[in-house]
Amino acid sequence: MPMRLSEIWIYPVKSLGGIRQTQAQVEEKGLQYDRRWMIVDENGKFLTQRVNAKMALLDVAIHAEGLVIFHRFQADDQVLVPFEAISNQTIQVKVWDDVVLARTICDQADLWLSTQLGKNVRIVEMSEQTQRNMDSAYSGKVALVSFADDFPYLLISEGSLQDLNSRLDHPVIMKRFRPNFVISGTEPFAEDFWQKVRIGQVEFIVAKPCERCVLVTIDPITGQKGSEPLKTLAKYRKVDKNIFFGQNLVSLQNGLVREGDELVITLS
């Protein structure tokens, strides 16, 4: 049975809800729209569910005019983040150790998000001119990344999740791990041994295992924190002090990927 791309996900606003797509454009920084927006505090520092679990309850939809952000359990409570910025101020923002330029978008969206999250925040966009370099040691080339943590792409196989769930009292869903690509037709953790793959007509370097943190202990549906699945992963997916689940990828060219595309290992 061939290995296939069974799910495609983008997360337009870092740490908010994801959007499943049937096809997506591969770009150097990540899939089109993926993590090109980010919420920052008054000092320009990025926010994630790690410190504000309320972000898990905010979903995103893409409309012709821009992003619509809404509360999962109060869908009428929403705000538009326009593609054409209104405030359009360039500011410095910090994501992990990187300081880059981003542009503000809309005071109304800032106010709405501040109310939802209980603190003063702004939403910013990564412009096409923003250069955020990833570590070339893992890709063999100078590559750019969006506001994602480290790498432009994350891949996880269905088999790996099934293996994890066989060890849990209460199974978890793939959304916990926020992948871009979900692959069917593999043995558990087969992706650990790939070096280069082709999805459809697009090649990717399998750059580095993905280190997991407390974010995966937040239920993506309810926003409630627990100890799993990190506790169980630590028992059999820990190397030194890091817990790994999934593989980070870097694209070697732009192109279109579609649900159902075959995945071929080109180097293992």
C-alpha atoms as a PDB file:
ATOM      1  CA  MET A   1       0.000   0.000   0.000  1.00  0.00           C
ATOM      2  CA  PRO A   2       1.540   3.359  -0.991  1.00  0.00           C
ATOM      3  CA  MET A   3       2.209   6.060   1.541  1.00  0.00           C
ATOM      4  CA  ARG A   4      -0.073   9.038   1.000  1.00  0.00           C
ATOM      5  CA  LEU A   5      -0.634  12.574   2.210  1.00  0.00           C
ATOM      6  CA  SER A   6      -3.868  12.110   4.153  1.00  0.00           C
ATOM      7  CA  GLU A   7      -4.198  15.566   5.769  1.00  0.00           C
ATOM      8  CA  ILE A   8      -2.865  19.078   5.120  1.00  0.00           C
ATOM      9  CA  TRP A   9      -3.019  21.738   7.844  1.00  0.00           C
ATOM     10  CA  ILE A  10      -2.119  25.395   8.079  1.00  0.00           C
ATOM     11  CA  TYR A  11      -2.084  27.618  11.166  1.00  0.00           C
ATOM     12  CA  PRO A  12      -2.309  31.197   9.857  1.00  0.00           C
ATOM     13  CA  VAL A  13      -1.916  32.809  13.308  1.00  0.00           C
ATOM     14  CA  LYS A  14       0.798  31.252  15.452  1.00  0.00           C
ATOM     15  CA  SER A  15      -0.737  29.191  18.295  1.00  0.00           C
ATOM     16  CA  LEU A  16      -4.370  29.723  17.217  1.00  0.00           C
ATOM     17  CA  GLY A  17      -6.576  27.069  15.606  1.00  0.00           C
ATOM     18  CA  GLY A  18      -5.613  25.319  12.392  1.00  0.00           C
ATOM     19  CA  ILE A  19      -7.380  25.001   9.043  1.00  0.00           C
ATOM     20  CA  ARG A  20      -7.495  21.726   7.136  1.00  0.00           C
ATOM     21  CA  GLN A  21      -7.032  22.090   3.381  1.00  0.00           C
ATOM     22  CA  THR A  22      -7.415  19.745   0.440  1.00  0.00           C
ATOM     23  CA  GLN A  23      -4.459  21.346  -1.324  1.00  0.00           C
ATOM     24  CA  ALA A  24      -1.844  23.921  -0.445  1.00  0.00           C
ATOM     25  CA  GLN A  25       0.963  25.895  -2.034  1.00  0.00           C
ATOM     26  CA  VAL A  26       4.447  25.006  -0.821  1.00  0.00           C
ATOM     27  CA  GLU A  27       6.622  28.084  -0.291  1.00  0.00           C
ATOM     28  CA  GLU A  28      10.087  28.491   1.216  1.00  0.00           C
ATOM     29  CA  LYS A  29       8.812  29.853   4.552  1.00  0.00           C
ATOM     30  CA  GLY A  30       6.094  27.205   4.824  1.00  0.00           C
ATOM     31  CA  LEU A  31       2.689  26.556   3.291  1.00  0.00           C
ATOM     32  CA  GLN A  32       0.923  29.644   1.960  1.00  0.00           C
ATOM     33  CA  TYR A  33      -0.667  31.570   4.872  1.00  0.00           C
ATOM     34  CA  ASP A  34       0.922  29.264   7.457  1.00  0.00           C
ATOM     35  CA  ARG A  35       2.062  31.188  10.548  1.00  0.00           C
ATOM     36  CA  ARG A  36       2.452  34.465   8.681  1.00  0.00           C
ATOM     37  CA  TRP A  37       0.598  36.221  11.549  1.00  0.00           C
ATOM     38  CA  MET A  38       1.488  36.283  15.224  1.00  0.00           C
ATOM     39  CA  ILE A  39       0.142  37.770  18.459  1.00  0.00           C
ATOM     40  CA  VAL A  40       2.639  39.783  20.518  1.00  0.00           C
ATOM     41  CA  ASP A  41       2.552  41.541  23.867  1.00  0.00           C
ATOM     42  CA  GLU A  42       3.264  45.203  24.559  1.00  0.00           C
ATOM     43  CA  ASN A  43       6.998  44.531  24.242  1.00  0.00           C
ATOM     44  CA  GLY A  44       6.654  42.799  20.887  1.00  0.00           C
ATOM     45  CA  LYS A  45       7.293  39.330  22.341  1.00  0.00           C
ATOM     46  CA  PHE A  46       5.346  36.441  20.839  1.00  0.00           C
ATOM     47  CA  LEU A  47       2.519  34.706  22.693  1.00  0.00           C
ATOM     48  CA  THR A  48       1.627  31.019  22.530  1.00  0.00           C
ATOM     49  CA  GLN A  49      -0.671  28.548  24.248  1.00  0.00           C
ATOM     50  CA  ARG A  50       2.260  27.585  26.469  1.00  0.00           C
ATOM     51  CA  VAL A  51       1.582  30.658  28.602  1.00  0.00           C
ATOM     52  CA  ASN A  52      -1.964  31.557  27.520  1.00  0.00           C
ATOM     53  CA  ALA A  53      -4.101  28.451  26.969  1.00  0.00           C
ATOM     54  CA  LYS A  54      -7.060  30.656  25.963  1.00  0.00           C
ATOM     55  CA  MET A  55      -5.446  30.868  22.539  1.00  0.00           C
ATOM     56  CA  ALA A  56      -6.471  27.246  21.947  1.00  0.00           C
ATOM     57  CA  LEU A  57     -10.124  28.350  21.807  1.00  0.00           C
ATOM     58  CA  LEU A  58      -9.623  30.894  19.018  1.00  0.00           C
ATOM     59  CA  ASP A  59     -10.179  29.549  15.509  1.00  0.00           C
ATOM     60  CA  VAL A  60      -9.288  31.087  12.167  1.00  0.00           C
ATOM     61  CA  ALA A  61     -10.967  31.127   8.751  1.00  0.00           C
ATOM     62  CA  ILE A  62      -9.671  32.615   5.507  1.00  0.00           C
ATOM     63  CA  HIS A  63     -12.050  34.964   3.685  1.00  0.00           C
ATOM     64  CA  ALA A  64     -11.533  37.079   0.586  1.00  0.00           C
ATOM     65  CA  GLU A  65     -10.899  40.202   2.666  1.00  0.00           C
ATOM     66  CA  GLY A  66      -8.639  38.620   5.269  1.00  0.00           C
ATOM     67  CA  LEU A  67      -8.575  36.315   8.251  1.00  0.00           C
ATOM     68  CA  VAL A  68     -11.619  35.936  10.463  1.00  0.00           C
ATOM     69  CA  ILE A  69     -10.760  35.006  14.056  1.00  0.00           C
ATOM     70  CA  PHE A  70     -13.585  33.718  16.226  1.00  0.00           C
ATOM     71  CA  HIS A  71     -14.181  32.037  19.569  1.00  0.00           C
ATOM     72  CA  ARG A  72     -14.834  28.329  19.071  1.00  0.00           C
ATOM     73  CA  PHE A  73     -17.855  28.261  21.382  1.00  0.00           C
ATOM     74  CA  GLN A  74     -19.159  31.704  20.431  1.00  0.00           C
ATOM     75  CA  ALA A  75     -18.859  31.754  16.670  1.00  0.00           C
ATOM     76  CA  ASP A  76     -20.666  35.095  16.351  1.00  0.00           C
ATOM     77  CA  ASP A  77     -17.949  36.710  18.459  1.00  0.00           C
ATOM     78  CA  GLN A  78     -15.386  37.391  15.746  1.00  0.00           C
ATOM     79  CA  VAL A  79     -13.077  39.949  14.198  1.00  0.00           C
ATOM     80  CA  LEU A  80     -11.629  40.531  10.736  1.00  0.00           C
ATOM     81  CA  VAL A  81      -7.875  40.798  10.288  1.00  0.00           C
ATOM     82  CA  PRO A  82      -7.696  42.393   6.825  1.00  0.00           C
ATOM     83  CA  PHE A  83      -5.097  41.426   4.246  1.00  0.00           C
ATOM     84  CA  GLU A  84      -4.744  45.145   3.499  1.00  0.00           C
ATOM     85  CA  ALA A  85      -3.286  46.526   6.721  1.00  0.00           C
ATOM     86  CA  ILE A  86      -4.979  49.591   8.205  1.00  0.00           C
ATOM     87  CA  SER A  87      -2.521  50.623  10.914  1.00  0.00           C
ATOM     88  CA  ASN A  88       0.438  49.351   8.847  1.00  0.00           C
ATOM     89  CA  GLN A  89       3.193  50.285  11.286  1.00  0.00           C
ATOM     90  CA  THR A  90       6.529  48.455  11.127  1.00  0.00           C
ATOM     91  CA  ILE A  91       7.704  47.225  14.530  1.00  0.00           C
ATOM     92  CA  GLN A  92      10.326  44.866  15.893  1.00  0.00           C
ATOM     93  CA  VAL A  93       8.980  41.589  17.232  1.00  0.00           C
ATOM     94  CA  LYS A  94      10.657  38.706  19.014  1.00  0.00           C
ATOM     95  CA  VAL A  95       9.974  35.028  18.374  1.00  0.00           C
ATOM     96  CA  TRP A  96      12.256  32.843  20.495  1.00  0.00           C
ATOM     97  CA  ASP A  97      15.769  34.261  19.965  1.00  0.00           C
ATOM     98  CA  ASP A  98      14.967  35.982  16.677  1.00  0.00           C
ATOM     99  CA  VAL A  99      14.169  39.676  16.398  1.00  0.00           C
ATOM    100  CA  VAL A 100      12.572  40.590  13.063  1.00  0.00           C
ATOM    101  CA  LEU A 101      10.417  43.292  11.541  1.00  0.00           C
ATOM    102  CA  ALA A 102       6.659  42.832  11.201  1.00  0.00           C
ATOM    103  CA  ARG A 103       3.769  45.131  10.452  1.00  0.00           C
ATOM    104  CA  THR A 104       0.757  45.940  12.569  1.00  0.00           C
ATOM    105  CA  ILE A 105      -2.605  45.446  10.911  1.00  0.00           C
ATOM    106  CA  CYS A 106      -5.704  46.705  12.629  1.00  0.00           C
ATOM    107  CA  ASP A 107      -6.424  48.397  15.976  1.00  0.00           C
ATOM    108  CA  GLN A 108      -9.879  46.807  16.096  1.00  0.00           C
ATOM    109  CA  ALA A 109      -8.371  43.324  15.853  1.00  0.00           C
ATOM    110  CA  ASP A 110      -5.835  44.231  18.556  1.00  0.00           C
ATOM    111  CA  LEU A 111      -8.634  45.336  20.894  1.00  0.00           C
ATOM    112  CA  TRP A 112     -10.708  42.204  20.249  1.00  0.00           C
ATOM    113  CA  LEU A 113      -7.740  39.908  20.884  1.00  0.00           C
ATOM    114  CA  SER A 114      -6.774  41.834  24.021  1.00  0.00           C
ATOM    115  CA  THR A 115     -10.288  41.294  25.389  1.00  0.00           C
ATOM    116  CA  GLN A 116     -10.206  37.586  24.551  1.00  0.00           C
ATOM    117  CA  LEU A 117      -6.779  36.974  26.061  1.00  0.00           C
ATOM    118  CA  GLY A 118      -7.066  39.269  29.062  1.00  0.00           C
ATOM    119  CA  LYS A 119      -3.997  41.381  28.334  1.00  0.00           C
ATOM    120  CA  ASN A 120      -2.855  44.064  25.895  1.00  0.00           C
ATOM    121  CA  VAL A 121      -1.729  42.400  22.685  1.00  0.00           C
ATOM    122  CA  ARG A 122      -1.321  43.176  19.001  1.00  0.00           C
ATOM    123  CA  ILE A 123      -1.526  40.979  15.934  1.00  0.00           C
ATOM    124  CA  VAL A 124       1.296  41.431  13.435  1.00  0.00           C
ATOM    125  CA  GLU A 125       2.012  40.090   9.961  1.00  0.00           C
ATOM    126  CA  MET A 126       5.271  38.860   8.483  1.00  0.00           C
ATOM    127  CA  SER A 127       5.736  40.821   5.278  1.00  0.00           C
ATOM    128  CA  GLU A 128       7.295  39.311   2.169  1.00  0.00           C
ATOM    129  CA  GLN A 129      10.424  41.367   2.876  1.00  0.00           C
ATOM    130  CA  THR A 130      10.921  39.942   6.380  1.00  0.00           C
ATOM    131  CA  GLN A 131      13.946  37.656   6.512  1.00  0.00           C
ATOM    132  CA  ARG A 132      13.939  35.121   9.333  1.00  0.00           C
ATOM    133  CA  ASN A 133      16.669  32.558   8.724  1.00  0.00           C
ATOM    134  CA  MET A 134      16.527  29.044  10.077  1.00  0.00           C
ATOM    135  CA  ASP A 135      19.595  27.082  11.145  1.00  0.00           C
ATOM    136  CA  SER A 136      21.284  25.963   7.901  1.00  0.00           C
ATOM    137  CA  ALA A 137      23.024  23.106   9.743  1.00  0.00           C
ATOM    138  CA  TYR A 138      19.833  21.080   9.474  1.00  0.00           C
ATOM    139  CA  SER A 139      18.896  21.847   5.874  1.00  0.00           C
ATOM    140  CA  GLY A 140      22.222  22.099   4.096  1.00  0.00           C
ATOM    141  CA  LYS A 141      21.215  25.482   2.700  1.00  0.00           C
ATOM    142  CA  VAL A 142      20.230  28.955   3.797  1.00  0.00           C
ATOM    143  CA  ALA A 143      16.463  28.805   4.253  1.00  0.00           C
ATOM    144  CA  LEU A 144      13.767  31.108   5.544  1.00  0.00           C
ATOM    145  CA  VAL A 145      11.052  30.287   8.047  1.00  0.00           C
ATOM    146  CA  SER A 146       7.794  31.963   9.035  1.00  0.00           C
ATOM    147  CA  PHE A 147       6.768  32.619  12.654  1.00  0.00           C
ATOM    148  CA  ALA A 148       6.838  28.838  13.220  1.00  0.00           C
ATOM    149  CA  ASP A 149       9.030  27.727  16.125  1.00  0.00           C
ATOM    150  CA  ASP A 150      12.000  26.409  14.145  1.00  0.00           C
ATOM    151  CA  PHE A 151      11.177  24.878  10.767  1.00  0.00           C
ATOM    152  CA  PRO A 152       8.807  25.584   7.876  1.00  0.00           C
ATOM    153  CA  TYR A 153       7.101  22.161   7.871  1.00  0.00           C
ATOM    154  CA  LEU A 154       6.125  19.398  10.298  1.00  0.00           C
ATOM    155  CA  LEU A 155       5.194  15.854   9.249  1.00  0.00           C
ATOM    156  CA  ILE A 156       3.682  13.079  11.384  1.00  0.00           C
ATOM    157  CA  SER A 157       2.449   9.651  10.318  1.00  0.00           C
ATOM    158  CA  GLU A 158      -0.906   8.219  11.310  1.00  0.00           C
ATOM    159  CA  GLY A 159       0.964   5.102  12.429  1.00  0.00           C
ATOM    160  CA  SER A 160       2.936   7.086  15.001  1.00  0.00           C
ATOM    161  CA  LEU A 161      -0.231   8.534  16.505  1.00  0.00           C
ATOM    162  CA  GLN A 162      -1.872   5.097  16.566  1.00  0.00           C
ATOM    163  CA  ASP A 163       1.133   3.715  18.419  1.00  0.00           C
ATOM    164  CA  LEU A 164       0.959   6.512  20.984  1.00  0.00           C
ATOM    165  CA  ASN A 165      -2.782   6.082  21.470  1.00  0.00           C
ATOM    166  CA  SER A 166      -2.324   2.354  22.085  1.00  0.00           C
ATOM    167  CA  ARG A 167      -0.347   3.351  25.195  1.00  0.00           C
ATOM    168  CA  LEU A 168      -2.790   5.993  26.506  1.00  0.00           C
ATOM    169  CA  ASP A 169      -5.898   5.505  28.636  1.00  0.00           C
ATOM    170  CA  HIS A 170      -7.555   8.323  26.712  1.00  0.00           C
ATOM    171  CA  PRO A 171      -6.579   8.646  23.027  1.00  0.00           C
ATOM    172  CA  VAL A 172      -5.564  12.045  21.671  1.00  0.00           C
ATOM    173  CA  ILE A 173      -6.186  13.538  18.232  1.00  0.00           C
ATOM    174  CA  MET A 174      -3.570  14.616  15.728  1.00  0.00           C
ATOM    175  CA  LYS A 175      -4.471  18.284  16.295  1.00  0.00           C
ATOM    176  CA  ARG A 176      -2.502  18.117  19.549  1.00  0.00           C
ATOM    177  CA  PHE A 177       0.713  18.086  17.564  1.00  0.00           C
ATOM    178  CA  ARG A 178      -0.079  20.761  14.948  1.00  0.00           C
ATOM    179  CA  PRO A 179       1.430  19.043  11.882  1.00  0.00           C
ATOM    180  CA  ASN A 180       1.311  20.433   8.356  1.00  0.00           C
ATOM    181  CA  PHE A 181       1.400  16.987   6.763  1.00  0.00           C
ATOM    182  CA  VAL A 182      -0.172  13.755   8.006  1.00  0.00           C
ATOM    183  CA  ILE A 183       0.925  10.587   6.217  1.00  0.00           C
ATOM    184  CA  SER A 184      -0.972   7.291   5.935  1.00  0.00           C
ATOM    185  CA  GLY A 185       0.325   3.824   5.015  1.00  0.00           C
ATOM    186  CA  THR A 186       3.452   3.680   7.212  1.00  0.00           C
ATOM    187  CA  GLU A 187       4.679   1.743  10.199  1.00  0.00           C
ATOM    188  CA  PRO A 188       4.836   3.726  13.455  1.00  0.00           C
ATOM    189  CA  PHE A 189       7.718   6.204  13.430  1.00  0.00           C
ATOM    190  CA  ALA A 190       8.854   5.210   9.949  1.00  0.00           C
ATOM    191  CA  GLU A 191       9.430   8.933   9.371  1.00  0.00           C
ATOM    192  CA  ASP A 192      12.332   8.830  11.851  1.00  0.00           C
ATOM    193  CA  PHE A 193      14.459   7.080   9.223  1.00  0.00           C
ATOM    194  CA  TRP A 194      13.787   9.229   6.176  1.00  0.00           C
ATOM    195  CA  GLN A 195      16.298  11.778   4.904  1.00  0.00           C
ATOM    196  CA  LYS A 196      14.553  13.104   1.831  1.00  0.00           C
ATOM    197  CA  VAL A 197      11.004  12.592   0.514  1.00  0.00           C
ATOM    198  CA  ARG A 198       8.827  13.698  -2.375  1.00  0.00           C
ATOM    199  CA  ILE A 199       5.168  14.549  -1.817  1.00  0.00           C
ATOM    200  CA  GLY A 200       3.451  14.774  -5.172  1.00  0.00           C
ATOM    201  CA  GLN A 201       6.034  16.683  -7.222  1.00  0.00           C
ATOM    202  CA  VAL A 202       7.672  18.575  -4.328  1.00  0.00           C
ATOM    203  CA  GLU A 203      10.832  17.371  -2.587  1.00  0.00           C
ATOM    204  CA  PHE A 204      11.598  17.945   1.084  1.00  0.00           C
ATOM    205  CA  ILE A 205      14.601  17.388   3.309  1.00  0.00           C
ATOM    206  CA  VAL A 206      13.685  15.562   6.512  1.00  0.00           C
ATOM    207  CA  ALA A 207      15.774  17.866   8.652  1.00  0.00           C
ATOM    208  CA  LYS A 208      15.325  17.079  12.331  1.00  0.00           C
ATOM    209  CA  PRO A 209      13.018  15.330  14.819  1.00  0.00           C
ATOM    210  CA  CYS A 210      10.496  17.670  16.412  1.00  0.00           C
ATOM    211  CA  GLU A 211      11.041  18.350  20.112  1.00  0.00           C
ATOM    212  CA  ARG A 212       7.749  18.359  22.022  1.00  0.00           C
ATOM    213  CA  CYS A 213       6.869  20.588  24.961  1.00  0.00           C
ATOM    214  CA  VAL A 214       3.951  21.288  27.303  1.00  0.00           C
ATOM    215  CA  LEU A 215       1.879  22.656  24.408  1.00  0.00           C
ATOM    216  CA  VAL A 216       0.840  19.082  23.504  1.00  0.00           C
ATOM    217  CA  THR A 217      -0.695  18.696  26.970  1.00  0.00           C
ATOM    218  CA  ILE A 218      -3.330  21.319  26.105  1.00  0.00           C
ATOM    219  CA  ASP A 219      -6.530  19.840  24.679  1.00  0.00           C
ATOM    220  CA  PRO A 220      -7.004  21.671  21.352  1.00  0.00           C
ATOM    221  CA  ILE A 221     -10.782  21.415  21.656  1.00  0.00           C
ATOM    222  CA  THR A 222     -11.348  22.522  25.265  1.00  0.00           C
ATOM    223  CA  GLY A 223      -8.127  24.395  26.093  1.00  0.00           C
ATOM    224  CA  GLN A 224      -7.737  22.310  29.278  1.00  0.00           C
ATOM    225  CA  LYS A 225      -4.240  21.312  30.423  1.00  0.00           C
ATOM    226  CA  GLY A 226      -3.208  17.860  31.584  1.00  0.00           C
ATOM    227  CA  SER A 227      -0.082  15.707  31.820  1.00  0.00           C
ATOM    228  CA  GLU A 228      -0.676  13.577  28.726  1.00  0.00           C
ATOM    229  CA  PRO A 229       0.467  12.701  26.170  1.00  0.00           C
ATOM    230  CA  LEU A 230       3.847  14.161  27.182  1.00  0.00           C
ATOM    231  CA  LYS A 231       4.104  11.878  30.206  1.00  0.00           C
ATOM    232  CA  THR A 232       3.708   8.751  28.084  1.00  0.00           C
ATOM    233  CA  LEU A 233       5.911  10.027  25.249  1.00  0.00           C
ATOM    234  CA  ALA A 234       8.678  10.599  27.799  1.00  0.00           C
ATOM    235  CA  LYS A 235       8.713   6.861  28.544  1.00  0.00           C
ATOM    236  CA  TYR A 236       9.677   5.789  25.040  1.00  0.00           C
ATOM    237  CA  ARG A 237      10.403   8.839  22.852  1.00  0.00           C
ATOM    238  CA  LYS A 238      12.968  10.610  25.039  1.00  0.00           C
ATOM    239  CA  VAL A 239      16.556  11.087  23.903  1.00  0.00           C
ATOM    240  CA  ASP A 240      18.782  12.774  26.466  1.00  0.00           C
ATOM    241  CA  LYS A 241      16.422  15.473  27.807  1.00  0.00           C
ATOM    242  CA  ASN A 242      14.288  15.918  24.671  1.00  0.00           C
ATOM    243  CA  ILE A 243      11.002  14.221  23.769  1.00  0.00           C
ATOM    244  CA  PHE A 244      10.491  13.721  20.025  1.00  0.00           C
ATOM    245  CA  PHE A 245       7.333  13.205  17.984  1.00  0.00           C
ATOM    246  CA  GLY A 246       7.180  14.020  14.274  1.00  0.00           C
ATOM    247  CA  GLN A 247       9.782  15.276  11.822  1.00  0.00           C
ATOM    248  CA  ASN A 248      10.638  18.809  10.707  1.00  0.00           C
ATOM    249  CA  LEU A 249      10.979  19.366   6.967  1.00  0.00           C
ATOM    250  CA  VAL A 250      12.499  21.934   4.624  1.00  0.00           C
ATOM    251  CA  SER A 251      11.217  22.255   1.046  1.00  0.00           C
ATOM    252  CA  LEU A 252      13.628  22.100  -1.873  1.00  0.00           C
ATOM    253  CA  GLN A 253      11.250  23.820  -4.302  1.00  0.00           C
ATOM    254  CA  ASN A 254       7.879  25.490  -4.462  1.00  0.00           C
ATOM    255  CA  GLY A 255       4.835  23.669  -5.767  1.00  0.00           C
ATOM    256  CA  LEU A 256       1.360  22.380  -5.037  1.00  0.00           C
ATOM    257  CA  VAL A 257       0.579  19.451  -2.741  1.00  0.00           C
ATOM    258  CA  ARG A 258      -2.815  17.776  -2.557  1.00  0.00           C
ATOM    259  CA  GLU A 259      -4.569  15.371  -0.217  1.00  0.00           C
ATOM    260  CA  GLY A 260      -4.009  11.888  -1.627  1.00  0.00           C
ATOM    261  CA  ASP A 261      -0.597  12.684  -3.106  1.00  0.00           C
ATOM    262  CA  GLU A 262       1.809   9.791  -2.875  1.00  0.00           C
ATOM    263  CA  LEU A 263       4.843  10.168  -0.618  1.00  0.00           C
ATOM    264  CA  VAL A 264       8.012   8.609  -2.007  1.00  0.00           C
ATOM    265  CA  ILE A 265      11.221   8.176  -0.033  1.00  0.00           C
ATOM    266  CA  THR A 266      14.019   9.499  -2.236  1.00  0.00           C
ATOM    267  CA  LEU A 267      16.778   9.059   0.381  1.00  0.00           C
ATOM    268  CA  SER A 268      16.708   7.025   3.582  1.00  0.00           C
END
